[in-house]
Amino acid sequence: MADNKNIKTSDADLKDRLVAINRVTKVTKGGRTFSFSAIVVVGNEKGLVGWGLGKANEVTTAISKGVDAAKKNLIKVPVYKGTIPHVQYSRFGGAEVFIKPASHGTGVKAGGAMRAVLESVGVTDVLAKSKGSSNPHNLVKATIGALAELRDAHTVAEHRGVSLDKVFNG
């Protein structure tokens, strides 16, 4: 896996997508206190993606905190002709995700939280399935984990110390 720390990008390139908002109630002696948590995905639709969780007493503040957190943990994903290079499976908690490359014109066949992550990366054609838990927090983490494990052919050839032709024909 490539070193994804220290990825530089301008904030103008990044687009944020709100995945889920959760209202949390804390009961105290003085009554109920509401706070909000928001999970946000940011990406430049050219191979960069990150996620963040923001918590605050107001929805807008929680979203902005989530965007700031997401910008701090960006990863680079290899996108080849609008799809991913190979099949990938990942788990996080009870959520299991399976993503598979698709031919041009297929579109993003994914639901909910997975769709937000895949569209933020810039993938236009992919088949995806989530099994197990539908918890958006775990789905986002599992999807980003699967994308982080993807490797393109050049990286594989370099890692093995062979030519690019040998990767495909070897």
N, C-alpha and C. Protein backbone atom coordinates (compact mmCIF):
# COMPACT_ATOMS: atom_id res chain seq x y z
N MET A 1 0.85 -1.18 0.00
CA MET A 1 0.00 0.00 0.00
C MET A 1 0.89 1.24 0.00
N ALA A 2 0.49 2.20 -0.77
CA ALA A 2 1.29 3.43 -0.89
C ALA A 2 1.16 4.27 0.37
N ASP A 3 2.17 5.11 0.59
CA ASP A 3 2.14 6.01 1.73
C ASP A 3 1.18 7.15 1.42
N ASN A 4 0.05 7.20 2.12
CA ASN A 4 -0.98 8.18 1.83
C ASN A 4 -0.95 9.38 2.76
N LYS A 5 0.08 9.48 3.58
CA LYS A 5 0.21 10.66 4.44
C LYS A 5 0.72 11.82 3.60
N ASN A 6 0.54 13.01 4.05
CA ASN A 6 1.08 14.21 3.42
C ASN A 6 0.60 14.42 1.99
N ILE A 7 -0.66 14.14 1.70
CA ILE A 7 -1.21 14.41 0.38
C ILE A 7 -1.63 15.87 0.35
N LYS A 8 -1.07 16.61 -0.60
CA LYS A 8 -1.35 18.03 -0.71
C LYS A 8 -2.42 18.26 -1.77
N THR A 9 -3.43 19.03 -1.44
CA THR A 9 -4.45 19.43 -2.40
C THR A 9 -5.09 20.72 -1.90
N SER A 10 -5.58 21.48 -2.82
CA SER A 10 -6.24 22.72 -2.41
C SER A 10 -7.67 22.40 -1.97
N ASP A 11 -8.16 23.16 -1.01
CA ASP A 11 -9.51 22.93 -0.50
C ASP A 11 -10.57 23.22 -1.54
N ALA A 12 -10.25 24.02 -2.56
CA ALA A 12 -11.22 24.36 -3.60
C ALA A 12 -11.56 23.13 -4.45
N ASP A 13 -10.60 22.20 -4.58
CA ASP A 13 -10.82 21.00 -5.39
C ASP A 13 -11.75 20.00 -4.70
N LEU A 14 -11.77 20.00 -3.39
CA LEU A 14 -12.52 18.99 -2.65
C LEU A 14 -14.00 19.32 -2.54
N LYS A 15 -14.82 18.29 -2.80
CA LYS A 15 -16.27 18.43 -2.66
C LYS A 15 -16.70 17.53 -1.51
N ASP A 16 -17.57 18.05 -0.66
CA ASP A 16 -18.00 17.24 0.48
C ASP A 16 -19.41 16.70 0.27
N ARG A 17 -19.64 15.50 0.78
CA ARG A 17 -20.95 14.85 0.72
C ARG A 17 -21.32 14.40 2.13
N LEU A 18 -22.51 14.74 2.52
CA LEU A 18 -23.02 14.34 3.82
C LEU A 18 -23.58 12.93 3.71
N VAL A 19 -23.08 12.02 4.51
CA VAL A 19 -23.53 10.63 4.46
C VAL A 19 -24.67 10.40 5.45
N ALA A 20 -24.50 10.85 6.69
CA ALA A 20 -25.52 10.61 7.71
C ALA A 20 -25.41 11.63 8.83
N ILE A 21 -26.58 11.95 9.39
CA ILE A 21 -26.65 12.80 10.59
C ILE A 21 -27.37 12.00 11.66
N ASN A 22 -26.84 12.04 12.87
CA ASN A 22 -27.45 11.32 13.98
C ASN A 22 -27.72 12.28 15.12
N ARG A 23 -28.94 12.30 15.63
CA ARG A 23 -29.27 13.13 16.78
C ARG A 23 -29.12 12.30 18.04
N VAL A 24 -28.35 12.82 18.98
CA VAL A 24 -28.09 12.13 20.23
C VAL A 24 -28.74 12.91 21.36
N THR A 25 -29.46 12.20 22.22
CA THR A 25 -30.15 12.84 23.34
C THR A 25 -29.49 12.44 24.65
N LYS A 26 -29.14 13.44 25.45
CA LYS A 26 -28.58 13.19 26.77
C LYS A 26 -29.59 13.74 27.78
N VAL A 27 -30.06 12.88 28.67
CA VAL A 27 -31.03 13.30 29.67
C VAL A 27 -30.29 13.68 30.95
N THR A 28 -30.49 14.92 31.37
CA THR A 28 -29.86 15.42 32.60
C THR A 28 -30.93 15.86 33.57
N LYS A 29 -30.50 16.35 34.70
CA LYS A 29 -31.44 16.83 35.72
C LYS A 29 -32.29 17.98 35.18
N GLY A 30 -31.71 18.80 34.33
CA GLY A 30 -32.42 19.95 33.78
C GLY A 30 -33.27 19.66 32.56
N GLY A 31 -33.28 18.41 32.09
CA GLY A 31 -34.07 18.06 30.91
C GLY A 31 -33.22 17.37 29.86
N ARG A 32 -33.74 17.37 28.64
CA ARG A 32 -33.03 16.70 27.55
C ARG A 32 -32.10 17.67 26.83
N THR A 33 -30.90 17.20 26.51
CA THR A 33 -29.94 17.98 25.74
C THR A 33 -29.68 17.25 24.43
N PHE A 34 -29.90 17.93 23.31
CA PHE A 34 -29.69 17.31 22.01
C PHE A 34 -28.33 17.73 21.45
N SER A 35 -27.64 16.78 20.84
CA SER A 35 -26.43 17.09 20.09
C SER A 35 -26.47 16.26 18.81
N PHE A 36 -25.61 16.59 17.87
CA PHE A 36 -25.65 15.95 16.56
C PHE A 36 -24.27 15.44 16.17
N SER A 37 -24.27 14.30 15.48
CA SER A 37 -23.02 13.81 14.89
C SER A 37 -23.27 13.65 13.40
N ALA A 38 -22.28 14.04 12.60
CA ALA A 38 -22.40 13.96 11.15
C ALA A 38 -21.19 13.25 10.57
N ILE A 39 -21.43 12.29 9.69
CA ILE A 39 -20.34 11.64 8.99
C ILE A 39 -20.31 12.19 7.57
N VAL A 40 -19.12 12.67 7.16
CA VAL A 40 -18.95 13.38 5.90
C VAL A 40 -17.82 12.74 5.11
N VAL A 41 -18.00 12.70 3.78
CA VAL A 41 -16.96 12.21 2.87
C VAL A 41 -16.55 13.35 1.96
N VAL A 42 -15.24 13.58 1.81
CA VAL A 42 -14.76 14.60 0.87
C VAL A 42 -13.89 13.93 -0.19
N GLY A 43 -13.92 14.48 -1.40
CA GLY A 43 -13.11 13.94 -2.48
C GLY A 43 -13.01 14.94 -3.62
N ASN A 44 -11.99 14.75 -4.46
CA ASN A 44 -11.83 15.67 -5.59
C ASN A 44 -12.32 15.04 -6.89
N GLU A 45 -12.91 13.84 -6.83
CA GLU A 45 -13.42 13.11 -7.98
C GLU A 45 -12.32 12.80 -9.00
N LYS A 46 -11.07 12.78 -8.53
CA LYS A 46 -9.93 12.43 -9.38
C LYS A 46 -9.00 11.47 -8.65
N GLY A 47 -9.51 10.73 -7.67
CA GLY A 47 -8.70 9.73 -7.00
C GLY A 47 -8.38 10.02 -5.55
N LEU A 48 -8.80 11.16 -5.01
CA LEU A 48 -8.58 11.46 -3.59
C LEU A 48 -9.89 11.35 -2.83
N VAL A 49 -9.84 10.76 -1.65
CA VAL A 49 -11.04 10.65 -0.82
C VAL A 49 -10.63 10.59 0.66
N GLY A 50 -11.51 11.08 1.51
CA GLY A 50 -11.31 11.02 2.96
C GLY A 50 -12.65 11.11 3.66
N TRP A 51 -12.70 10.63 4.89
CA TRP A 51 -13.94 10.71 5.65
C TRP A 51 -13.67 11.35 7.00
N GLY A 52 -14.72 11.90 7.60
CA GLY A 52 -14.58 12.52 8.90
C GLY A 52 -15.88 12.49 9.68
N LEU A 53 -15.76 12.52 10.98
CA LEU A 53 -16.91 12.54 11.88
C LEU A 53 -16.86 13.82 12.68
N GLY A 54 -17.96 14.57 12.68
CA GLY A 54 -18.04 15.80 13.45
C GLY A 54 -19.17 15.73 14.44
N LYS A 55 -18.93 16.21 15.65
CA LYS A 55 -19.95 16.22 16.69
C LYS A 55 -20.09 17.62 17.25
N ALA A 56 -21.33 18.10 17.39
CA ALA A 56 -21.57 19.45 17.93
C ALA A 56 -23.02 19.56 18.36
N ASN A 57 -23.34 20.71 18.97
CA ASN A 57 -24.71 20.96 19.41
C ASN A 57 -25.62 21.44 18.29
N GLU A 58 -25.04 21.82 17.14
CA GLU A 58 -25.82 22.26 15.99
C GLU A 58 -25.39 21.45 14.77
N VAL A 59 -26.33 21.24 13.85
CA VAL A 59 -26.07 20.41 12.68
C VAL A 59 -24.98 21.03 11.80
N THR A 60 -25.06 22.31 11.52
CA THR A 60 -24.09 22.95 10.62
C THR A 60 -22.67 22.90 11.19
N THR A 61 -22.55 23.07 12.48
CA THR A 61 -21.23 22.99 13.13
C THR A 61 -20.69 21.57 13.06
N ALA A 62 -21.56 20.59 13.26
CA ALA A 62 -21.14 19.18 13.20
C ALA A 62 -20.66 18.84 11.79
N ILE A 63 -21.35 19.34 10.77
CA ILE A 63 -20.96 19.07 9.38
C ILE A 63 -19.61 19.71 9.07
N SER A 64 -19.42 20.96 9.49
CA SER A 64 -18.15 21.63 9.20
C SER A 64 -16.98 20.96 9.94
N LYS A 65 -17.23 20.47 11.16
CA LYS A 65 -16.19 19.73 11.89
C LYS A 65 -15.88 18.42 11.17
N GLY A 66 -16.90 17.77 10.63
CA GLY A 66 -16.70 16.54 9.88
C GLY A 66 -15.89 16.77 8.62
N VAL A 67 -16.15 17.88 7.92
CA VAL A 67 -15.39 18.21 6.71
C VAL A 67 -13.92 18.47 7.06
N ASP A 68 -13.68 19.20 8.14
CA ASP A 68 -12.31 19.46 8.57
C ASP A 68 -11.58 18.16 8.92
N ALA A 69 -12.27 17.25 9.60
CA ALA A 69 -11.67 15.96 9.96
C ALA A 69 -11.39 15.12 8.71
N ALA A 70 -12.28 15.19 7.73
CA ALA A 70 -12.12 14.41 6.51
C ALA A 70 -10.92 14.88 5.70
N LYS A 71 -10.66 16.18 5.71
CA LYS A 71 -9.53 16.73 4.96
C LYS A 71 -8.19 16.31 5.56
N LYS A 72 -8.20 15.86 6.81
CA LYS A 72 -6.97 15.46 7.48
C LYS A 72 -6.55 14.03 7.17
N ASN A 73 -7.47 13.20 6.69
CA ASN A 73 -7.09 11.81 6.40
C ASN A 73 -7.49 11.40 4.98
N LEU A 74 -6.90 12.08 4.01
CA LEU A 74 -7.15 11.77 2.60
C LEU A 74 -6.28 10.60 2.15
N ILE A 75 -6.82 9.78 1.26
CA ILE A 75 -6.05 8.70 0.66
C ILE A 75 -6.13 8.82 -0.86
N LYS A 76 -5.12 8.29 -1.54
CA LYS A 76 -5.07 8.29 -3.01
C LYS A 76 -5.53 6.93 -3.49
N VAL A 77 -6.48 6.92 -4.45
CA VAL A 77 -7.04 5.69 -4.97
C VAL A 77 -6.77 5.61 -6.47
N PRO A 78 -6.27 4.47 -6.96
CA PRO A 78 -6.07 4.34 -8.41
C PRO A 78 -7.39 4.16 -9.13
N VAL A 79 -7.73 5.11 -10.01
CA VAL A 79 -8.93 5.02 -10.83
C VAL A 79 -8.47 4.90 -12.28
N TYR A 80 -8.89 3.83 -12.96
CA TYR A 80 -8.45 3.57 -14.32
C TYR A 80 -9.67 3.55 -15.24
N LYS A 81 -9.76 4.51 -16.15
CA LYS A 81 -10.86 4.64 -17.11
C LYS A 81 -12.22 4.64 -16.41
N GLY A 82 -12.30 5.34 -15.30
CA GLY A 82 -13.57 5.50 -14.60
C GLY A 82 -13.98 4.34 -13.71
N THR A 83 -13.14 3.33 -13.59
CA THR A 83 -13.46 2.21 -12.71
C THR A 83 -12.23 1.86 -11.86
N ILE A 84 -12.36 0.82 -11.07
CA ILE A 84 -11.26 0.40 -10.20
C ILE A 84 -10.44 -0.68 -10.90
N PRO A 85 -9.18 -0.88 -10.50
CA PRO A 85 -8.34 -1.84 -11.21
C PRO A 85 -8.69 -3.32 -11.00
N HIS A 86 -9.22 -3.68 -9.85
CA HIS A 86 -9.51 -5.10 -9.59
C HIS A 86 -10.58 -5.23 -8.52
N VAL A 87 -11.05 -6.46 -8.32
CA VAL A 87 -12.06 -6.76 -7.31
C VAL A 87 -11.43 -6.59 -5.93
N GLN A 88 -12.22 -6.06 -4.98
CA GLN A 88 -11.70 -5.90 -3.63
C GLN A 88 -12.82 -6.15 -2.62
N TYR A 89 -12.45 -6.76 -1.50
CA TYR A 89 -13.36 -7.09 -0.42
C TYR A 89 -12.79 -6.51 0.86
N SER A 90 -13.65 -5.97 1.72
CA SER A 90 -13.16 -5.42 2.99
C SER A 90 -14.25 -5.50 4.05
N ARG A 91 -13.80 -5.50 5.30
CA ARG A 91 -14.73 -5.50 6.44
C ARG A 91 -14.33 -4.42 7.42
N PHE A 92 -15.33 -3.88 8.10
CA PHE A 92 -15.08 -3.03 9.25
C PHE A 92 -16.26 -3.24 10.18
N GLY A 93 -15.99 -3.71 11.39
CA GLY A 93 -17.08 -4.02 12.31
C GLY A 93 -17.97 -5.08 11.71
N GLY A 94 -19.28 -4.82 11.67
CA GLY A 94 -20.24 -5.76 11.10
C GLY A 94 -20.50 -5.52 9.62
N ALA A 95 -19.89 -4.47 9.07
CA ALA A 95 -20.13 -4.15 7.66
C ALA A 95 -19.11 -4.84 6.77
N GLU A 96 -19.60 -5.47 5.71
CA GLU A 96 -18.75 -6.12 4.72
C GLU A 96 -19.06 -5.49 3.37
N VAL A 97 -18.03 -5.11 2.62
CA VAL A 97 -18.26 -4.53 1.30
C VAL A 97 -17.48 -5.30 0.25
N PHE A 98 -18.05 -5.34 -0.94
CA PHE A 98 -17.45 -6.01 -2.09
C PHE A 98 -17.56 -5.04 -3.26
N ILE A 99 -16.43 -4.66 -3.87
CA ILE A 99 -16.46 -3.76 -5.02
C ILE A 99 -15.77 -4.44 -6.20
N LYS A 100 -16.34 -4.23 -7.38
CA LYS A 100 -15.90 -4.94 -8.57
C LYS A 100 -15.88 -3.97 -9.74
N PRO A 101 -14.84 -4.00 -10.59
CA PRO A 101 -14.81 -3.11 -11.75
C PRO A 101 -15.96 -3.43 -12.71
N ALA A 102 -16.41 -2.41 -13.43
CA ALA A 102 -17.50 -2.58 -14.38
C ALA A 102 -17.14 -1.92 -15.70
N SER A 103 -17.80 -2.35 -16.76
CA SER A 103 -17.53 -1.78 -18.08
C SER A 103 -18.12 -0.38 -18.19
N HIS A 104 -17.61 0.39 -19.17
CA HIS A 104 -18.05 1.77 -19.37
C HIS A 104 -19.55 1.82 -19.63
N GLY A 105 -20.24 2.73 -18.95
CA GLY A 105 -21.68 2.91 -19.12
C GLY A 105 -22.51 2.22 -18.07
N THR A 106 -21.89 1.44 -17.19
CA THR A 106 -22.62 0.72 -16.15
C THR A 106 -23.16 1.67 -15.09
N GLY A 107 -22.34 2.65 -14.70
CA GLY A 107 -22.73 3.57 -13.63
C GLY A 107 -22.27 3.05 -12.28
N VAL A 108 -22.60 3.78 -11.23
CA VAL A 108 -22.24 3.38 -9.88
C VAL A 108 -23.40 2.59 -9.30
N LYS A 109 -23.25 1.28 -9.28
CA LYS A 109 -24.28 0.40 -8.73
C LYS A 109 -23.93 0.12 -7.28
N ALA A 110 -24.27 1.06 -6.43
CA ALA A 110 -23.97 0.95 -5.00
C ALA A 110 -25.04 1.73 -4.25
N GLY A 111 -25.23 1.39 -3.00
CA GLY A 111 -26.26 2.05 -2.23
C GLY A 111 -25.69 2.91 -1.12
N GLY A 112 -26.44 3.95 -0.80
CA GLY A 112 -26.21 4.77 0.39
C GLY A 112 -24.81 5.26 0.62
N ALA A 113 -24.23 4.83 1.72
CA ALA A 113 -22.92 5.31 2.16
C ALA A 113 -21.82 4.92 1.17
N MET A 114 -21.91 3.74 0.59
CA MET A 114 -20.91 3.30 -0.38
C MET A 114 -20.93 4.19 -1.62
N ARG A 115 -22.11 4.57 -2.07
CA ARG A 115 -22.24 5.43 -3.25
C ARG A 115 -21.55 6.77 -3.02
N ALA A 116 -21.75 7.36 -1.86
CA ALA A 116 -21.13 8.66 -1.55
C ALA A 116 -19.61 8.57 -1.63
N VAL A 117 -19.04 7.50 -1.09
CA VAL A 117 -17.58 7.34 -1.10
C VAL A 117 -17.08 7.13 -2.54
N LEU A 118 -17.73 6.23 -3.28
CA LEU A 118 -17.27 5.91 -4.63
C LEU A 118 -17.41 7.10 -5.58
N GLU A 119 -18.47 7.88 -5.44
CA GLU A 119 -18.63 9.06 -6.29
C GLU A 119 -17.63 10.14 -5.92
N SER A 120 -17.29 10.26 -4.65
CA SER A 120 -16.30 11.25 -4.22
C SER A 120 -14.91 10.92 -4.76
N VAL A 121 -14.60 9.64 -4.92
CA VAL A 121 -13.32 9.22 -5.47
C VAL A 121 -13.23 9.59 -6.95
N GLY A 122 -14.36 9.50 -7.66
CA GLY A 122 -14.36 9.77 -9.09
C GLY A 122 -14.61 8.53 -9.91
N VAL A 123 -15.03 7.46 -9.27
CA VAL A 123 -15.37 6.23 -9.97
C VAL A 123 -16.74 6.42 -10.62
N THR A 124 -16.83 6.14 -11.93
CA THR A 124 -18.10 6.32 -12.63
C THR A 124 -18.77 4.98 -12.96
N ASP A 125 -17.99 3.90 -13.01
CA ASP A 125 -18.54 2.58 -13.34
C ASP A 125 -18.00 1.56 -12.35
N VAL A 126 -18.88 1.04 -11.51
CA VAL A 126 -18.47 0.04 -10.52
C VAL A 126 -19.69 -0.72 -10.05
N LEU A 127 -19.47 -1.98 -9.70
CA LEU A 127 -20.51 -2.80 -9.07
C LEU A 127 -20.10 -2.99 -7.62
N ALA A 128 -21.02 -2.73 -6.70
CA ALA A 128 -20.69 -2.83 -5.28
C ALA A 128 -21.83 -3.49 -4.53
N LYS A 129 -21.47 -4.21 -3.50
CA LYS A 129 -22.46 -4.87 -2.67
C LYS A 129 -22.05 -4.74 -1.22
N SER A 130 -22.99 -4.35 -0.37
CA SER A 130 -22.71 -4.33 1.06
C SER A 130 -23.48 -5.47 1.70
N LYS A 131 -22.76 -6.23 2.51
CA LYS A 131 -23.37 -7.35 3.22
C LYS A 131 -23.21 -7.08 4.70
N GLY A 132 -24.05 -7.68 5.49
CA GLY A 132 -23.93 -7.49 6.93
C GLY A 132 -24.59 -6.19 7.36
N SER A 133 -23.95 -5.48 8.24
CA SER A 133 -24.50 -4.28 8.84
C SER A 133 -24.67 -3.16 7.83
N SER A 134 -25.73 -2.38 7.96
CA SER A 134 -25.96 -1.23 7.10
C SER A 134 -25.64 0.08 7.83
N ASN A 135 -24.95 -0.02 8.95
CA ASN A 135 -24.54 1.14 9.72
C ASN A 135 -23.65 2.03 8.85
N PRO A 136 -24.05 3.29 8.58
CA PRO A 136 -23.28 4.13 7.66
C PRO A 136 -21.84 4.39 8.11
N HIS A 137 -21.59 4.47 9.41
CA HIS A 137 -20.24 4.70 9.90
C HIS A 137 -19.32 3.55 9.49
N ASN A 138 -19.76 2.33 9.75
CA ASN A 138 -18.95 1.16 9.42
C ASN A 138 -18.86 0.94 7.92
N LEU A 139 -19.94 1.25 7.18
CA LEU A 139 -19.90 1.10 5.72
C LEU A 139 -18.89 2.04 5.09
N VAL A 140 -18.85 3.28 5.54
CA VAL A 140 -17.88 4.25 5.01
C VAL A 140 -16.47 3.77 5.31
N LYS A 141 -16.22 3.33 6.53
CA LYS A 141 -14.88 2.87 6.91
C LYS A 141 -14.47 1.62 6.13
N ALA A 142 -15.39 0.70 5.91
CA ALA A 142 -15.09 -0.52 5.14
C ALA A 142 -14.82 -0.18 3.68
N THR A 143 -15.59 0.74 3.11
CA THR A 143 -15.41 1.12 1.71
C THR A 143 -14.08 1.83 1.51
N ILE A 144 -13.73 2.74 2.41
CA ILE A 144 -12.45 3.44 2.31
C ILE A 144 -11.30 2.44 2.52
N GLY A 145 -11.50 1.48 3.40
CA GLY A 145 -10.49 0.44 3.59
C GLY A 145 -10.27 -0.39 2.34
N ALA A 146 -11.36 -0.72 1.64
CA ALA A 146 -11.25 -1.48 0.39
C ALA A 146 -10.54 -0.66 -0.68
N LEU A 147 -10.88 0.62 -0.78
CA LEU A 147 -10.24 1.50 -1.77
C LEU A 147 -8.76 1.71 -1.46
N ALA A 148 -8.41 1.74 -0.19
CA ALA A 148 -7.01 1.95 0.20
C ALA A 148 -6.14 0.75 -0.18
N GLU A 149 -6.73 -0.44 -0.27
CA GLU A 149 -5.98 -1.63 -0.60
C GLU A 149 -5.82 -1.85 -2.11
N LEU A 150 -6.51 -1.04 -2.92
CA LEU A 150 -6.40 -1.19 -4.38
C LEU A 150 -5.00 -0.82 -4.86
N ARG A 151 -4.49 -1.56 -5.84
CA ARG A 151 -3.19 -1.26 -6.43
C ARG A 151 -3.32 -1.31 -7.95
N ASP A 152 -2.69 -0.37 -8.65
CA ASP A 152 -2.72 -0.41 -10.11
C ASP A 152 -1.57 -1.28 -10.61
N ALA A 153 -1.58 -1.57 -11.91
CA ALA A 153 -0.61 -2.49 -12.49
C ALA A 153 0.82 -1.98 -12.35
N HIS A 154 1.03 -0.66 -12.46
CA HIS A 154 2.38 -0.11 -12.33
C HIS A 154 2.94 -0.34 -10.94
N THR A 155 2.11 -0.17 -9.92
CA THR A 155 2.55 -0.38 -8.54
C THR A 155 2.90 -1.85 -8.31
N VAL A 156 2.08 -2.76 -8.85
CA VAL A 156 2.33 -4.19 -8.69
C VAL A 156 3.65 -4.58 -9.37
N ALA A 157 3.86 -4.07 -10.59
CA ALA A 157 5.09 -4.38 -11.31
C ALA A 157 6.32 -3.86 -10.56
N GLU A 158 6.23 -2.66 -10.03
CA GLU A 158 7.34 -2.07 -9.28
C GLU A 158 7.62 -2.86 -8.01
N HIS A 159 6.56 -3.25 -7.32
CA HIS A 159 6.70 -3.99 -6.07
C HIS A 159 7.33 -5.36 -6.31
N ARG A 160 6.95 -6.03 -7.40
CA ARG A 160 7.48 -7.36 -7.72
C ARG A 160 8.85 -7.29 -8.38
N GLY A 161 9.19 -6.11 -8.91
CA GLY A 161 10.48 -5.97 -9.58
C GLY A 161 10.50 -6.58 -10.97
N VAL A 162 9.35 -6.59 -11.64
CA VAL A 162 9.26 -7.15 -12.99
C VAL A 162 8.69 -6.09 -13.94
N SER A 163 8.68 -6.41 -15.23
CA SER A 163 8.14 -5.48 -16.21
C SER A 163 6.61 -5.50 -16.18
N LEU A 164 6.00 -4.48 -16.76
CA LEU A 164 4.55 -4.36 -16.78
C LEU A 164 3.93 -5.49 -17.61
N ASP A 165 4.60 -5.92 -18.70
CA ASP A 165 4.10 -7.02 -19.51
C ASP A 165 4.04 -8.32 -18.73
N LYS A 166 5.01 -8.53 -17.86
CA LYS A 166 5.06 -9.76 -17.08
C LYS A 166 3.91 -9.83 -16.06
N VAL A 167 3.44 -8.67 -15.59
CA VAL A 167 2.31 -8.64 -14.66
C VAL A 167 1.06 -9.19 -15.33
N PHE A 168 0.83 -8.80 -16.58
CA PHE A 168 -0.37 -9.24 -17.30
C PHE A 168 -0.23 -10.62 -17.94
N ASN A 169 0.96 -10.97 -18.40
CA ASN A 169 1.16 -12.22 -19.10
C ASN A 169 1.85 -13.30 -18.27
N GLY A 170 2.29 -12.90 -17.06
CA GLY A 170 3.12 -13.79 -16.26
C GLY A 170 2.41 -14.85 -15.55
